[in-house]
Amino acid sequence: MDKRVGNPGVAIALLLACAAAFACRPNQTVERQTKDTALKAQVKAKLATELGPATVTSIEVNVTNGVVTLAGPVHSDEEKQKAETVARGVDGVTGVNNNLQVMAEPVPAPVFTPTSSGAGPVFIPFPTPTPAVVRNP
């Protein structure tokens, strides 16, 4: 009695076809992807209107199954909270993950003004540290 099962090439092809079919399935339907893309556009537009046009490039917006994720830098806690409130206010948004980060304000560069004699900026020299002397006991 022959115990071989059919053609091995056909079995491998069938196995690969099944694997490909399962691997190509998206996590979302085309309809859900279309809705999420529309929500993303609406959230970005509303952020630009409410917080200013700079948010279009500074705040990243992602939408998955109606849940909005906000990421990127903002200037204050108030701006962070307002961005979340704006996103929640868009019809169709089911939740918001607020991953915005409040960035510290940059320290302004010192301004040097000329002296009254007009000689240029005033620089205050600091003493140069002297090297420590190491003595062997």
N, C-alpha and C. Protein backbone atom coordinates (compact mmCIF):
# COMPACT_ATOMS: atom_id res chain seq x y z
N MET A 1 0.84 -1.18 0.00
CA MET A 1 0.00 0.00 0.00
C MET A 1 0.89 1.23 0.00
N ASP A 2 0.65 2.15 -0.91
CA ASP A 2 1.45 3.37 -1.04
C ASP A 2 0.88 4.42 -0.11
N LYS A 3 1.75 4.98 0.78
CA LYS A 3 1.26 5.94 1.78
C LYS A 3 1.56 7.40 1.39
N ARG A 4 2.00 7.64 0.18
CA ARG A 4 2.25 9.02 -0.25
C ARG A 4 0.92 9.74 -0.46
N VAL A 5 0.96 11.04 -0.15
CA VAL A 5 -0.26 11.84 -0.29
C VAL A 5 -0.08 12.79 -1.47
N GLY A 6 -0.69 12.52 -2.57
CA GLY A 6 -0.72 13.42 -3.71
C GLY A 6 0.64 13.99 -4.11
N ASN A 7 0.60 15.07 -4.82
CA ASN A 7 1.78 15.76 -5.31
C ASN A 7 2.24 16.76 -4.25
N PRO A 8 3.52 16.67 -3.76
CA PRO A 8 3.98 17.62 -2.74
C PRO A 8 3.98 19.07 -3.24
N GLY A 9 4.19 19.28 -4.51
CA GLY A 9 4.19 20.64 -5.06
C GLY A 9 2.83 21.30 -4.92
N VAL A 10 1.78 20.52 -5.16
CA VAL A 10 0.42 21.05 -5.04
C VAL A 10 0.11 21.37 -3.57
N ALA A 11 0.56 20.50 -2.66
CA ALA A 11 0.32 20.73 -1.23
C ALA A 11 1.03 22.00 -0.76
N ILE A 12 2.26 22.20 -1.21
CA ILE A 12 3.01 23.42 -0.82
C ILE A 12 2.34 24.66 -1.39
N ALA A 13 1.91 24.59 -2.65
CA ALA A 13 1.25 25.74 -3.27
C ALA A 13 -0.04 26.08 -2.53
N LEU A 14 -0.80 25.05 -2.14
CA LEU A 14 -2.04 25.28 -1.40
C LEU A 14 -1.76 25.91 -0.04
N LEU A 15 -0.71 25.43 0.63
CA LEU A 15 -0.32 25.98 1.92
C LEU A 15 0.09 27.44 1.80
N LEU A 16 0.88 27.76 0.77
CA LEU A 16 1.31 29.15 0.56
C LEU A 16 0.13 30.06 0.22
N ALA A 17 -0.82 29.53 -0.56
CA ALA A 17 -2.00 30.33 -0.91
C ALA A 17 -2.83 30.66 0.34
N CYS A 18 -2.98 29.67 1.23
CA CYS A 18 -3.72 29.92 2.47
C CYS A 18 -3.01 30.93 3.35
N ALA A 19 -1.68 30.80 3.46
CA ALA A 19 -0.91 31.74 4.28
C ALA A 19 -1.01 33.15 3.72
N ALA A 20 -0.95 33.28 2.40
CA ALA A 20 -1.04 34.59 1.77
C ALA A 20 -2.43 35.20 1.99
N ALA A 21 -3.44 34.39 1.93
CA ALA A 21 -4.80 34.90 2.12
C ALA A 21 -5.00 35.47 3.51
N PHE A 22 -4.45 34.79 4.52
CA PHE A 22 -4.59 35.29 5.88
C PHE A 22 -3.67 36.46 6.16
N ALA A 23 -2.51 36.50 5.53
CA ALA A 23 -1.54 37.58 5.77
C ALA A 23 -1.99 38.88 5.13
N CYS A 24 -2.76 38.84 4.10
CA CYS A 24 -3.15 40.05 3.38
C CYS A 24 -4.40 40.71 3.94
N ARG A 25 -5.02 40.12 4.91
CA ARG A 25 -6.23 40.72 5.47
C ARG A 25 -5.87 41.96 6.29
N PRO A 26 -6.47 43.10 5.99
CA PRO A 26 -6.21 44.28 6.80
C PRO A 26 -6.93 44.16 8.15
N ASN A 27 -6.45 44.92 9.12
CA ASN A 27 -7.08 44.94 10.43
C ASN A 27 -8.41 45.66 10.40
N GLN A 28 -8.61 46.46 9.37
CA GLN A 28 -9.83 47.24 9.25
C GLN A 28 -10.45 46.99 7.88
N THR A 29 -11.74 47.19 7.81
CA THR A 29 -12.40 47.11 6.51
C THR A 29 -12.06 48.37 5.72
N VAL A 30 -12.29 48.31 4.43
CA VAL A 30 -12.05 49.48 3.58
C VAL A 30 -12.94 50.64 4.03
N GLU A 31 -14.16 50.32 4.41
CA GLU A 31 -15.09 51.35 4.89
C GLU A 31 -14.55 52.03 6.16
N ARG A 32 -14.03 51.24 7.11
CA ARG A 32 -13.50 51.80 8.35
C ARG A 32 -12.25 52.64 8.07
N GLN A 33 -11.41 52.18 7.16
CA GLN A 33 -10.21 52.95 6.81
C GLN A 33 -10.60 54.28 6.19
N THR A 34 -11.64 54.27 5.36
CA THR A 34 -12.12 55.50 4.73
C THR A 34 -12.67 56.46 5.78
N LYS A 35 -13.44 55.94 6.73
CA LYS A 35 -13.98 56.78 7.81
C LYS A 35 -12.85 57.37 8.65
N ASP A 36 -11.83 56.55 8.98
CA ASP A 36 -10.71 57.03 9.80
C ASP A 36 -9.92 58.11 9.07
N THR A 37 -9.75 57.95 7.75
CA THR A 37 -9.04 58.97 6.97
C THR A 37 -9.82 60.28 6.96
N ALA A 38 -11.14 60.19 6.84
CA ALA A 38 -11.97 61.39 6.88
C ALA A 38 -11.91 62.05 8.26
N LEU A 39 -11.96 61.23 9.33
CA LEU A 39 -11.85 61.78 10.69
C LEU A 39 -10.51 62.49 10.88
N LYS A 40 -9.45 61.90 10.39
CA LYS A 40 -8.11 62.51 10.52
C LYS A 40 -8.10 63.89 9.86
N ALA A 41 -8.66 63.99 8.66
CA ALA A 41 -8.70 65.28 7.97
C ALA A 41 -9.54 66.29 8.75
N GLN A 42 -10.66 65.85 9.30
CA GLN A 42 -11.53 66.75 10.06
C GLN A 42 -10.83 67.24 11.33
N VAL A 43 -10.14 66.33 12.03
CA VAL A 43 -9.44 66.71 13.27
C VAL A 43 -8.33 67.70 12.95
N LYS A 44 -7.53 67.42 11.90
CA LYS A 44 -6.43 68.33 11.54
C LYS A 44 -6.97 69.71 11.16
N ALA A 45 -8.06 69.74 10.40
CA ALA A 45 -8.65 71.02 9.99
C ALA A 45 -9.15 71.80 11.20
N LYS A 46 -9.80 71.10 12.13
CA LYS A 46 -10.33 71.78 13.31
C LYS A 46 -9.20 72.26 14.22
N LEU A 47 -8.12 71.46 14.34
CA LEU A 47 -6.96 71.92 15.12
C LEU A 47 -6.35 73.17 14.52
N ALA A 48 -6.24 73.19 13.19
CA ALA A 48 -5.67 74.36 12.51
C ALA A 48 -6.54 75.60 12.74
N THR A 49 -7.85 75.40 12.74
CA THR A 49 -8.77 76.52 12.96
C THR A 49 -8.73 77.01 14.40
N GLU A 50 -8.76 76.07 15.34
CA GLU A 50 -8.85 76.42 16.77
C GLU A 50 -7.51 76.82 17.40
N LEU A 51 -6.42 76.14 16.99
CA LEU A 51 -5.12 76.39 17.63
C LEU A 51 -4.13 77.11 16.73
N GLY A 52 -4.42 77.22 15.45
CA GLY A 52 -3.54 77.91 14.54
C GLY A 52 -2.98 76.97 13.48
N PRO A 53 -2.61 77.52 12.33
CA PRO A 53 -2.16 76.70 11.21
C PRO A 53 -0.88 75.92 11.47
N ALA A 54 -0.06 76.34 12.43
CA ALA A 54 1.19 75.63 12.72
C ALA A 54 0.94 74.21 13.23
N THR A 55 -0.25 73.94 13.76
CA THR A 55 -0.55 72.61 14.27
C THR A 55 -0.61 71.56 13.16
N VAL A 56 -0.83 71.99 11.92
CA VAL A 56 -0.89 71.05 10.80
C VAL A 56 0.42 70.28 10.68
N THR A 57 1.53 70.95 10.93
CA THR A 57 2.82 70.28 10.82
C THR A 57 3.38 69.84 12.17
N SER A 58 2.99 70.49 13.25
CA SER A 58 3.60 70.15 14.54
C SER A 58 2.88 69.05 15.30
N ILE A 59 1.58 68.90 15.10
CA ILE A 59 0.82 67.87 15.81
C ILE A 59 0.48 66.74 14.84
N GLU A 60 0.94 65.54 15.20
CA GLU A 60 0.65 64.35 14.39
C GLU A 60 -0.68 63.78 14.84
N VAL A 61 -1.54 63.47 13.88
CA VAL A 61 -2.86 62.92 14.16
C VAL A 61 -2.97 61.56 13.47
N ASN A 62 -3.29 60.53 14.25
CA ASN A 62 -3.56 59.20 13.71
C ASN A 62 -4.93 58.76 14.21
N VAL A 63 -5.66 58.04 13.37
CA VAL A 63 -7.00 57.57 13.74
C VAL A 63 -7.10 56.08 13.41
N THR A 64 -7.50 55.29 14.39
CA THR A 64 -7.73 53.87 14.20
C THR A 64 -9.05 53.50 14.87
N ASN A 65 -9.97 53.01 14.08
CA ASN A 65 -11.29 52.63 14.58
C ASN A 65 -11.98 53.75 15.35
N GLY A 66 -11.80 54.98 14.89
CA GLY A 66 -12.44 56.13 15.52
C GLY A 66 -11.70 56.72 16.70
N VAL A 67 -10.61 56.07 17.13
CA VAL A 67 -9.82 56.58 18.25
C VAL A 67 -8.68 57.43 17.69
N VAL A 68 -8.63 58.69 18.13
CA VAL A 68 -7.62 59.64 17.67
C VAL A 68 -6.43 59.61 18.61
N THR A 69 -5.23 59.55 18.03
CA THR A 69 -4.00 59.67 18.81
C THR A 69 -3.30 60.95 18.38
N LEU A 70 -3.04 61.82 19.36
CA LEU A 70 -2.34 63.09 19.11
C LEU A 70 -0.92 62.95 19.64
N ALA A 71 0.06 63.38 18.85
CA ALA A 71 1.45 63.33 19.28
C ALA A 71 2.18 64.55 18.74
N GLY A 72 3.23 64.95 19.46
CA GLY A 72 4.03 66.09 19.03
C GLY A 72 4.18 67.11 20.14
N PRO A 73 4.92 68.17 19.86
CA PRO A 73 5.17 69.20 20.88
C PRO A 73 4.08 70.28 20.89
N VAL A 74 3.79 70.77 22.10
CA VAL A 74 2.91 71.93 22.28
C VAL A 74 3.60 72.88 23.26
N HIS A 75 3.10 74.10 23.33
CA HIS A 75 3.76 75.12 24.15
C HIS A 75 3.32 75.15 25.60
N SER A 76 2.14 74.62 25.90
CA SER A 76 1.64 74.72 27.28
C SER A 76 0.65 73.60 27.57
N ASP A 77 0.35 73.43 28.86
CA ASP A 77 -0.67 72.46 29.26
C ASP A 77 -2.04 72.86 28.71
N GLU A 78 -2.29 74.16 28.64
CA GLU A 78 -3.57 74.63 28.11
C GLU A 78 -3.72 74.25 26.65
N GLU A 79 -2.65 74.40 25.88
CA GLU A 79 -2.69 74.04 24.47
C GLU A 79 -2.89 72.52 24.30
N LYS A 80 -2.24 71.75 25.16
CA LYS A 80 -2.39 70.29 25.13
C LYS A 80 -3.84 69.91 25.40
N GLN A 81 -4.43 70.50 26.42
CA GLN A 81 -5.81 70.19 26.77
C GLN A 81 -6.78 70.65 25.70
N LYS A 82 -6.52 71.83 25.13
CA LYS A 82 -7.41 72.34 24.09
C LYS A 82 -7.37 71.45 22.85
N ALA A 83 -6.19 70.94 22.49
CA ALA A 83 -6.08 70.04 21.33
C ALA A 83 -6.92 68.79 21.56
N GLU A 84 -6.86 68.25 22.78
CA GLU A 84 -7.66 67.07 23.09
C GLU A 84 -9.16 67.38 23.01
N THR A 85 -9.55 68.51 23.55
CA THR A 85 -10.96 68.91 23.53
C THR A 85 -11.45 69.09 22.10
N VAL A 86 -10.61 69.71 21.26
CA VAL A 86 -10.98 69.91 19.86
C VAL A 86 -11.17 68.57 19.17
N ALA A 87 -10.24 67.62 19.39
CA ALA A 87 -10.33 66.31 18.76
C ALA A 87 -11.59 65.57 19.22
N ARG A 88 -11.89 65.65 20.51
CA ARG A 88 -13.10 64.97 21.04
C ARG A 88 -14.38 65.57 20.45
N GLY A 89 -14.33 66.82 20.03
CA GLY A 89 -15.51 67.50 19.51
C GLY A 89 -15.85 67.14 18.07
N VAL A 90 -15.02 66.38 17.40
CA VAL A 90 -15.29 66.00 16.01
C VAL A 90 -16.25 64.81 16.01
N ASP A 91 -17.34 64.92 15.24
CA ASP A 91 -18.32 63.84 15.14
C ASP A 91 -17.66 62.57 14.61
N GLY A 92 -17.91 61.45 15.30
CA GLY A 92 -17.36 60.17 14.88
C GLY A 92 -16.15 59.74 15.68
N VAL A 93 -15.55 60.66 16.44
CA VAL A 93 -14.40 60.31 17.28
C VAL A 93 -14.93 59.58 18.52
N THR A 94 -14.39 58.38 18.77
CA THR A 94 -14.85 57.58 19.90
C THR A 94 -13.93 57.69 21.11
N GLY A 95 -12.73 58.20 20.93
CA GLY A 95 -11.79 58.36 22.03
C GLY A 95 -10.57 59.12 21.56
N VAL A 96 -9.79 59.63 22.53
CA VAL A 96 -8.57 60.38 22.21
C VAL A 96 -7.45 59.93 23.12
N ASN A 97 -6.32 59.56 22.52
CA ASN A 97 -5.09 59.31 23.26
C ASN A 97 -4.23 60.55 23.11
N ASN A 98 -4.04 61.29 24.18
CA ASN A 98 -3.30 62.54 24.12
C ASN A 98 -1.85 62.29 24.51
N ASN A 99 -0.99 62.14 23.50
CA ASN A 99 0.44 61.94 23.72
C ASN A 99 1.24 63.21 23.41
N LEU A 100 0.58 64.35 23.48
CA LEU A 100 1.27 65.62 23.23
C LEU A 100 2.22 65.92 24.39
N GLN A 101 3.35 66.53 24.07
CA GLN A 101 4.36 66.84 25.08
C GLN A 101 4.56 68.35 25.17
N VAL A 102 4.45 68.84 26.40
CA VAL A 102 4.67 70.27 26.63
C VAL A 102 6.17 70.51 26.62
N MET A 103 6.60 71.39 25.73
CA MET A 103 8.02 71.69 25.59
C MET A 103 8.35 72.95 26.39
N ALA A 104 9.53 72.93 27.01
CA ALA A 104 9.99 74.09 27.76
C ALA A 104 10.27 75.22 26.78
N GLU A 105 9.99 76.41 27.21
CA GLU A 105 10.26 77.58 26.37
C GLU A 105 11.76 77.72 26.20
N PRO A 106 12.23 78.04 25.01
CA PRO A 106 13.65 78.22 24.80
C PRO A 106 14.16 79.42 25.58
N VAL A 107 15.36 79.31 26.10
CA VAL A 107 15.98 80.40 26.83
C VAL A 107 16.48 81.42 25.82
N PRO A 108 16.09 82.68 25.96
CA PRO A 108 16.53 83.67 24.98
C PRO A 108 18.04 83.90 25.07
N ALA A 109 18.62 84.16 23.93
CA ALA A 109 20.06 84.45 23.89
C ALA A 109 20.32 85.77 24.59
N PRO A 110 21.46 85.88 25.28
CA PRO A 110 21.76 87.15 25.94
C PRO A 110 21.95 88.26 24.92
N VAL A 111 21.49 89.42 25.30
CA VAL A 111 21.62 90.57 24.42
C VAL A 111 22.76 91.43 24.93
N PHE A 112 23.74 91.65 24.07
CA PHE A 112 24.88 92.48 24.43
C PHE A 112 24.67 93.84 23.80
N THR A 113 24.78 94.87 24.61
CA THR A 113 24.62 96.22 24.09
C THR A 113 25.96 96.92 24.20
N PRO A 114 26.22 97.83 23.30
CA PRO A 114 27.48 98.56 23.36
C PRO A 114 27.56 99.40 24.63
N THR A 115 28.76 99.61 25.10
CA THR A 115 28.96 100.47 26.28
C THR A 115 28.70 101.90 25.89
N SER A 116 28.65 102.75 26.87
CA SER A 116 28.38 104.17 26.59
C SER A 116 29.48 104.80 25.74
N SER A 117 30.69 104.21 25.78
CA SER A 117 31.78 104.77 24.97
C SER A 117 31.68 104.28 23.53
N GLY A 118 30.76 103.33 23.26
CA GLY A 118 30.61 102.83 21.91
C GLY A 118 31.67 101.81 21.54
N ALA A 119 32.40 101.28 22.54
CA ALA A 119 33.50 100.36 22.27
C ALA A 119 33.03 98.96 21.92
N GLY A 120 31.78 98.64 22.10
CA GLY A 120 31.29 97.30 21.77
C GLY A 120 30.68 96.63 22.98
N PRO A 121 30.39 95.33 22.87
CA PRO A 121 29.75 94.63 23.98
C PRO A 121 30.67 94.49 25.19
N VAL A 122 30.04 94.36 26.33
CA VAL A 122 30.78 94.20 27.57
C VAL A 122 30.85 92.71 27.88
N PHE A 123 32.05 92.18 28.06
CA PHE A 123 32.24 90.79 28.43
C PHE A 123 32.88 90.75 29.81
N ILE A 124 32.39 89.88 30.65
CA ILE A 124 32.95 89.74 31.99
C ILE A 124 33.79 88.47 32.01
N PRO A 125 35.11 88.60 32.20
CA PRO A 125 35.95 87.40 32.20
C PRO A 125 35.77 86.61 33.50
N PHE A 126 35.80 85.30 33.38
CA PHE A 126 35.74 84.43 34.54
C PHE A 126 37.13 83.89 34.80
N PRO A 127 37.49 83.70 36.06
CA PRO A 127 38.83 83.18 36.35
C PRO A 127 38.99 81.77 35.79
N THR A 128 40.17 81.49 35.30
CA THR A 128 40.48 80.17 34.77
C THR A 128 40.82 79.26 35.94
N PRO A 129 40.18 78.09 36.01
CA PRO A 129 40.49 77.19 37.12
C PRO A 129 41.92 76.66 37.01
N THR A 130 42.56 76.53 38.16
CA THR A 130 43.92 75.98 38.16
C THR A 130 43.84 74.48 38.35
N PRO A 131 44.77 73.74 37.74
CA PRO A 131 44.72 72.29 37.90
C PRO A 131 45.03 71.87 39.33
N ALA A 132 44.40 70.82 39.75
CA ALA A 132 44.64 70.30 41.10
C ALA A 132 45.98 69.59 41.15
N VAL A 133 46.67 69.76 42.27
CA VAL A 133 47.97 69.11 42.45
C VAL A 133 47.72 67.81 43.22
N VAL A 134 48.19 66.70 42.64
CA VAL A 134 48.02 65.40 43.29
C VAL A 134 49.36 65.02 43.90
N ARG A 135 49.35 64.72 45.18
CA ARG A 135 50.58 64.32 45.88
C ARG A 135 50.47 62.88 46.27
N ASN A 136 51.54 62.18 46.07
CA ASN A 136 51.58 60.76 46.47
C ASN A 136 51.93 60.67 47.94
N PRO A 137 51.22 59.90 48.74
CA PRO A 137 51.54 59.80 50.18
C PRO A 137 52.78 59.03 50.47
